[in-house]
Amino acid sequence: MITAIYGSLIERRHGAVVLLALALIGGAGGLALAGRASGDVFMGGNGAALALLCAWAVPDLSRLLRKHDFDGDLIGTGVLATVIALMPLAAPRASWVAAGVGAGAGLALGFLLDRIHH
């Protein structure tokens, strides 16, 4: 559900190519790196969900830090990000590494896209 919500928002803002790149880097890349780091097999989409969510939140976060007005709901987004990031506590096959890769990829690509568009 989170992937569908933030995926549609990212696609509307930046297009399908950016959506696909974020999902692949955050999801598949995060799971691959987690498996490589531990030698175990992980499942779940927490990396992809965090990549999309973080990339979508970057423009609002940068406006907030510069003390400019914005129309986003960062409280709700923060709550959702926290729930997704803590998913490995409830689901043993979810990975902390995949979540970190997803969040990092989303923030990095979101920052680049924000700089390009403004």
N, C-alpha and C. Protein backbone atom coordinates (compact mmCIF):
# COMPACT_ATOMS: atom_id res chain seq x y z
N MET A 1 0.81 -1.19 0.00
CA MET A 1 0.00 0.00 0.00
C MET A 1 0.87 1.27 0.00
N ILE A 2 1.90 1.28 0.83
CA ILE A 2 2.79 2.44 0.89
C ILE A 2 3.48 2.63 -0.46
N THR A 3 3.88 1.53 -1.07
CA THR A 3 4.54 1.61 -2.37
C THR A 3 3.59 2.18 -3.42
N ALA A 4 2.33 1.80 -3.36
CA ALA A 4 1.36 2.32 -4.32
C ALA A 4 1.12 3.82 -4.12
N ILE A 5 1.00 4.23 -2.88
CA ILE A 5 0.73 5.65 -2.59
C ILE A 5 1.91 6.53 -3.03
N TYR A 6 3.09 6.22 -2.50
CA TYR A 6 4.24 7.06 -2.81
C TYR A 6 4.77 6.81 -4.21
N GLY A 7 4.55 5.62 -4.74
CA GLY A 7 4.92 5.34 -6.13
C GLY A 7 4.13 6.20 -7.10
N SER A 8 2.83 6.34 -6.86
CA SER A 8 2.02 7.18 -7.75
C SER A 8 2.40 8.66 -7.60
N LEU A 9 2.74 9.07 -6.39
CA LEU A 9 3.17 10.46 -6.19
C LEU A 9 4.50 10.74 -6.88
N ILE A 10 5.45 9.80 -6.78
CA ILE A 10 6.75 9.96 -7.45
C ILE A 10 6.55 9.96 -8.96
N GLU A 11 5.71 9.06 -9.46
CA GLU A 11 5.49 9.00 -10.91
C GLU A 11 4.88 10.29 -11.42
N ARG A 12 3.94 10.84 -10.67
CA ARG A 12 3.32 12.10 -11.08
C ARG A 12 4.32 13.25 -11.06
N ARG A 13 5.23 13.24 -10.08
CA ARG A 13 6.19 14.33 -9.94
C ARG A 13 7.37 14.20 -10.88
N HIS A 14 7.89 12.97 -11.09
CA HIS A 14 9.14 12.81 -11.83
C HIS A 14 9.07 11.86 -13.01
N GLY A 15 8.04 11.06 -13.12
CA GLY A 15 7.92 10.14 -14.24
C GLY A 15 8.20 8.69 -13.88
N ALA A 16 7.89 7.83 -14.83
CA ALA A 16 7.98 6.39 -14.60
C ALA A 16 9.42 5.89 -14.50
N VAL A 17 10.35 6.52 -15.18
CA VAL A 17 11.75 6.07 -15.13
C VAL A 17 12.32 6.26 -13.73
N VAL A 18 12.05 7.39 -13.12
CA VAL A 18 12.53 7.63 -11.75
C VAL A 18 11.86 6.66 -10.79
N LEU A 19 10.58 6.41 -10.96
CA LEU A 19 9.86 5.45 -10.13
C LEU A 19 10.52 4.08 -10.21
N LEU A 20 10.79 3.62 -11.42
CA LEU A 20 11.40 2.32 -11.62
C LEU A 20 12.81 2.27 -11.02
N ALA A 21 13.58 3.32 -11.21
CA ALA A 21 14.94 3.36 -10.67
C ALA A 21 14.92 3.29 -9.14
N LEU A 22 14.05 4.05 -8.52
CA LEU A 22 13.96 4.03 -7.06
C LEU A 22 13.53 2.67 -6.55
N ALA A 23 12.54 2.07 -7.19
CA ALA A 23 12.06 0.76 -6.75
C ALA A 23 13.14 -0.30 -6.90
N LEU A 24 13.88 -0.26 -7.99
CA LEU A 24 14.94 -1.25 -8.20
C LEU A 24 16.12 -1.05 -7.26
N ILE A 25 16.55 0.19 -7.11
CA ILE A 25 17.70 0.45 -6.24
C ILE A 25 17.33 0.17 -4.78
N GLY A 26 16.19 0.70 -4.34
CA GLY A 26 15.79 0.51 -2.95
C GLY A 26 15.35 -0.90 -2.64
N GLY A 27 14.60 -1.51 -3.54
CA GLY A 27 14.06 -2.84 -3.28
C GLY A 27 15.04 -3.94 -3.60
N ALA A 28 15.31 -4.14 -4.88
CA ALA A 28 16.19 -5.24 -5.29
C ALA A 28 17.63 -5.00 -4.82
N GLY A 29 18.09 -3.77 -4.94
CA GLY A 29 19.45 -3.46 -4.49
C GLY A 29 19.62 -3.65 -3.00
N GLY A 30 18.64 -3.20 -2.24
CA GLY A 30 18.70 -3.37 -0.79
C GLY A 30 18.68 -4.82 -0.37
N LEU A 31 17.82 -5.62 -0.99
CA LEU A 31 17.76 -7.05 -0.65
C LEU A 31 19.03 -7.77 -1.08
N ALA A 32 19.57 -7.41 -2.23
CA ALA A 32 20.82 -8.03 -2.69
C ALA A 32 21.97 -7.71 -1.74
N LEU A 33 22.07 -6.47 -1.34
CA LEU A 33 23.14 -6.06 -0.43
C LEU A 33 22.97 -6.72 0.95
N ALA A 34 21.73 -6.83 1.41
CA ALA A 34 21.47 -7.49 2.70
C ALA A 34 21.85 -8.96 2.64
N GLY A 35 21.50 -9.63 1.54
CA GLY A 35 21.86 -11.03 1.39
C GLY A 35 23.36 -11.23 1.30
N ARG A 36 24.01 -10.33 0.62
CA ARG A 36 25.48 -10.40 0.48
C ARG A 36 26.17 -10.18 1.81
N ALA A 37 25.62 -9.26 2.61
CA ALA A 37 26.25 -8.92 3.88
C ALA A 37 26.11 -10.05 4.90
N SER A 38 25.00 -10.78 4.87
CA SER A 38 24.78 -11.78 5.90
C SER A 38 24.80 -13.22 5.39
N GLY A 39 24.69 -13.41 4.10
CA GLY A 39 24.64 -14.75 3.56
C GLY A 39 23.28 -15.39 3.69
N ASP A 40 22.29 -14.67 4.16
CA ASP A 40 20.93 -15.18 4.35
C ASP A 40 20.04 -14.64 3.22
N VAL A 41 18.84 -15.16 3.14
CA VAL A 41 17.88 -14.72 2.14
C VAL A 41 16.82 -13.88 2.85
N PHE A 42 16.56 -12.69 2.32
CA PHE A 42 15.57 -11.79 2.90
C PHE A 42 14.43 -11.57 1.93
N MET A 43 13.28 -11.19 2.47
CA MET A 43 12.10 -10.90 1.63
C MET A 43 11.47 -9.61 2.12
N GLY A 44 10.64 -9.03 1.27
CA GLY A 44 9.91 -7.84 1.68
C GLY A 44 10.23 -6.65 0.81
N GLY A 45 9.39 -5.68 0.90
CA GLY A 45 9.54 -4.48 0.10
C GLY A 45 9.83 -3.25 0.92
N ASN A 46 10.39 -3.42 2.13
CA ASN A 46 10.62 -2.25 2.96
C ASN A 46 11.66 -1.31 2.36
N GLY A 47 12.64 -1.82 1.65
CA GLY A 47 13.64 -0.97 1.01
C GLY A 47 13.03 -0.13 -0.10
N ALA A 48 12.21 -0.76 -0.94
CA ALA A 48 11.56 -0.04 -2.03
C ALA A 48 10.58 1.00 -1.49
N ALA A 49 9.82 0.62 -0.48
CA ALA A 49 8.85 1.56 0.10
C ALA A 49 9.56 2.77 0.71
N LEU A 50 10.65 2.54 1.43
CA LEU A 50 11.38 3.67 2.02
C LEU A 50 12.06 4.52 0.96
N ALA A 51 12.53 3.91 -0.12
CA ALA A 51 13.14 4.70 -1.20
C ALA A 51 12.12 5.66 -1.80
N LEU A 52 10.93 5.17 -2.08
CA LEU A 52 9.88 6.02 -2.67
C LEU A 52 9.43 7.09 -1.68
N LEU A 53 9.20 6.69 -0.44
CA LEU A 53 8.73 7.63 0.58
C LEU A 53 9.76 8.73 0.83
N CYS A 54 11.02 8.35 0.98
CA CYS A 54 12.06 9.36 1.26
C CYS A 54 12.27 10.30 0.09
N ALA A 55 12.27 9.76 -1.13
CA ALA A 55 12.45 10.62 -2.30
C ALA A 55 11.31 11.62 -2.42
N TRP A 56 10.10 11.19 -2.10
CA TRP A 56 8.95 12.09 -2.17
C TRP A 56 9.05 13.18 -1.10
N ALA A 57 9.58 12.85 0.06
CA ALA A 57 9.61 13.80 1.18
C ALA A 57 10.74 14.83 1.09
N VAL A 58 11.76 14.58 0.29
CA VAL A 58 12.93 15.47 0.25
C VAL A 58 12.57 16.93 -0.06
N PRO A 59 11.76 17.24 -1.08
CA PRO A 59 11.46 18.65 -1.33
C PRO A 59 10.80 19.35 -0.14
N ASP A 60 9.89 18.66 0.53
CA ASP A 60 9.25 19.25 1.71
C ASP A 60 10.23 19.39 2.86
N LEU A 61 11.10 18.40 3.03
CA LEU A 61 12.11 18.49 4.09
C LEU A 61 13.07 19.65 3.86
N SER A 62 13.47 19.85 2.61
CA SER A 62 14.39 20.97 2.34
C SER A 62 13.69 22.31 2.55
N ARG A 63 12.42 22.41 2.19
CA ARG A 63 11.68 23.65 2.45
C ARG A 63 11.51 23.88 3.94
N LEU A 64 11.25 22.80 4.68
CA LEU A 64 11.11 22.91 6.13
C LEU A 64 12.41 23.39 6.77
N LEU A 65 13.53 22.85 6.33
CA LEU A 65 14.82 23.26 6.89
C LEU A 65 15.18 24.70 6.54
N ARG A 66 14.69 25.18 5.38
CA ARG A 66 14.93 26.57 4.99
C ARG A 66 13.86 27.50 5.54
N LYS A 67 12.93 26.94 6.32
CA LYS A 67 11.82 27.69 6.94
C LYS A 67 10.90 28.34 5.93
N HIS A 68 10.63 27.63 4.82
CA HIS A 68 9.67 28.07 3.82
C HIS A 68 8.37 27.29 3.98
N ASP A 69 7.27 27.87 3.51
CA ASP A 69 5.99 27.17 3.56
C ASP A 69 5.95 26.02 2.56
N PHE A 70 5.24 24.98 2.91
CA PHE A 70 5.03 23.85 2.01
C PHE A 70 3.68 23.22 2.35
N ASP A 71 3.15 22.44 1.43
CA ASP A 71 1.82 21.86 1.60
C ASP A 71 1.85 20.39 1.99
N GLY A 72 3.00 19.83 2.24
CA GLY A 72 3.10 18.40 2.52
C GLY A 72 2.74 18.06 3.95
N ASP A 73 2.45 16.77 4.17
CA ASP A 73 2.16 16.25 5.49
C ASP A 73 3.34 15.40 5.94
N LEU A 74 4.31 16.02 6.56
CA LEU A 74 5.50 15.29 6.97
C LEU A 74 5.28 14.49 8.24
N ILE A 75 4.28 14.82 9.03
CA ILE A 75 4.01 14.04 10.24
C ILE A 75 3.53 12.65 9.85
N GLY A 76 2.56 12.58 8.97
CA GLY A 76 2.06 11.29 8.51
C GLY A 76 3.13 10.50 7.79
N THR A 77 3.91 11.17 6.96
CA THR A 77 4.99 10.50 6.24
C THR A 77 6.05 9.99 7.22
N GLY A 78 6.34 10.76 8.24
CA GLY A 78 7.31 10.32 9.25
C GLY A 78 6.84 9.10 10.02
N VAL A 79 5.56 9.07 10.34
CA VAL A 79 5.00 7.91 11.04
C VAL A 79 5.09 6.67 10.16
N LEU A 80 4.70 6.82 8.89
CA LEU A 80 4.79 5.69 7.98
C LEU A 80 6.23 5.22 7.78
N ALA A 81 7.17 6.16 7.67
CA ALA A 81 8.58 5.80 7.52
C ALA A 81 9.08 5.04 8.74
N THR A 82 8.66 5.45 9.92
CA THR A 82 9.08 4.77 11.15
C THR A 82 8.54 3.35 11.20
N VAL A 83 7.28 3.18 10.84
CA VAL A 83 6.68 1.84 10.85
C VAL A 83 7.40 0.93 9.85
N ILE A 84 7.69 1.44 8.67
CA ILE A 84 8.38 0.63 7.66
C ILE A 84 9.81 0.32 8.11
N ALA A 85 10.48 1.30 8.68
CA ALA A 85 11.87 1.10 9.12
C ALA A 85 11.95 0.07 10.25
N LEU A 86 10.93 0.00 11.09
CA LEU A 86 10.93 -0.94 12.21
C LEU A 86 10.34 -2.30 11.84
N MET A 87 10.00 -2.50 10.59
CA MET A 87 9.41 -3.76 10.14
C MET A 87 10.26 -4.99 10.48
N PRO A 88 11.59 -4.93 10.44
CA PRO A 88 12.37 -6.12 10.79
C PRO A 88 12.15 -6.61 12.23
N LEU A 89 11.62 -5.79 13.10
CA LEU A 89 11.31 -6.25 14.46
C LEU A 89 10.16 -7.25 14.45
N ALA A 90 9.20 -7.07 13.56
CA ALA A 90 8.02 -7.93 13.51
C ALA A 90 8.13 -9.04 12.48
N ALA A 91 8.90 -8.81 11.43
CA ALA A 91 9.04 -9.79 10.34
C ALA A 91 10.50 -10.20 10.25
N PRO A 92 10.84 -11.40 10.68
CA PRO A 92 12.25 -11.79 10.71
C PRO A 92 12.92 -11.85 9.33
N ARG A 93 12.16 -11.97 8.26
CA ARG A 93 12.74 -12.01 6.92
C ARG A 93 12.91 -10.61 6.32
N ALA A 94 12.46 -9.58 7.00
CA ALA A 94 12.71 -8.21 6.55
C ALA A 94 14.09 -7.80 7.04
N SER A 95 14.76 -6.96 6.28
CA SER A 95 16.16 -6.65 6.57
C SER A 95 16.35 -5.19 6.95
N TRP A 96 17.19 -4.99 7.98
CA TRP A 96 17.58 -3.64 8.37
C TRP A 96 18.45 -3.01 7.28
N VAL A 97 19.28 -3.81 6.65
CA VAL A 97 20.17 -3.32 5.60
C VAL A 97 19.36 -2.83 4.41
N ALA A 98 18.36 -3.62 4.00
CA ALA A 98 17.50 -3.23 2.88
C ALA A 98 16.77 -1.93 3.19
N ALA A 99 16.31 -1.78 4.42
CA ALA A 99 15.64 -0.54 4.81
C ALA A 99 16.60 0.64 4.74
N GLY A 100 17.82 0.46 5.21
CA GLY A 100 18.82 1.53 5.16
C GLY A 100 19.21 1.90 3.74
N VAL A 101 19.38 0.89 2.89
CA VAL A 101 19.71 1.16 1.49
C VAL A 101 18.56 1.90 0.82
N GLY A 102 17.33 1.48 1.09
CA GLY A 102 16.17 2.16 0.50
C GLY A 102 16.06 3.61 0.94
N ALA A 103 16.20 3.84 2.24
CA ALA A 103 16.12 5.21 2.75
C ALA A 103 17.25 6.07 2.19
N GLY A 104 18.45 5.53 2.17
CA GLY A 104 19.60 6.28 1.64
C GLY A 104 19.45 6.59 0.16
N ALA A 105 19.01 5.59 -0.61
CA ALA A 105 18.82 5.81 -2.05
C ALA A 105 17.72 6.84 -2.30
N GLY A 106 16.64 6.76 -1.54
CA GLY A 106 15.55 7.71 -1.71
C GLY A 106 15.96 9.13 -1.36
N LEU A 107 16.70 9.29 -0.27
CA LEU A 107 17.16 10.62 0.11
C LEU A 107 18.16 11.17 -0.90
N ALA A 108 19.08 10.34 -1.35
CA ALA A 108 20.10 10.80 -2.30
C ALA A 108 19.48 11.17 -3.64
N LEU A 109 18.65 10.30 -4.19
CA LEU A 109 18.03 10.60 -5.48
C LEU A 109 17.02 11.73 -5.35
N GLY A 110 16.30 11.78 -4.23
CA GLY A 110 15.37 12.88 -4.01
C GLY A 110 16.08 14.22 -3.93
N PHE A 111 17.24 14.24 -3.27
CA PHE A 111 18.03 15.46 -3.18
C PHE A 111 18.50 15.90 -4.57
N LEU A 112 19.00 14.96 -5.37
CA LEU A 112 19.44 15.29 -6.72
C LEU A 112 18.29 15.82 -7.58
N LEU A 113 17.16 15.17 -7.51
CA LEU A 113 15.99 15.61 -8.29
C LEU A 113 15.50 16.98 -7.83
N ASP A 114 15.55 17.22 -6.53
CA ASP A 114 15.13 18.53 -6.01
C ASP A 114 16.06 19.62 -6.52
N ARG A 115 17.36 19.36 -6.56
CA ARG A 115 18.32 20.34 -7.06
C ARG A 115 18.13 20.57 -8.55
N ILE A 116 17.82 19.52 -9.31
CA ILE A 116 17.63 19.66 -10.76
C ILE A 116 16.38 20.47 -11.07
N HIS A 117 15.30 20.23 -10.33
CA HIS A 117 14.04 20.89 -10.61
C HIS A 117 13.97 22.32 -10.08
N HIS A 118 14.85 22.67 -9.17
CA HIS A 118 14.80 24.04 -8.63
C HIS A 118 16.10 24.71 -8.89
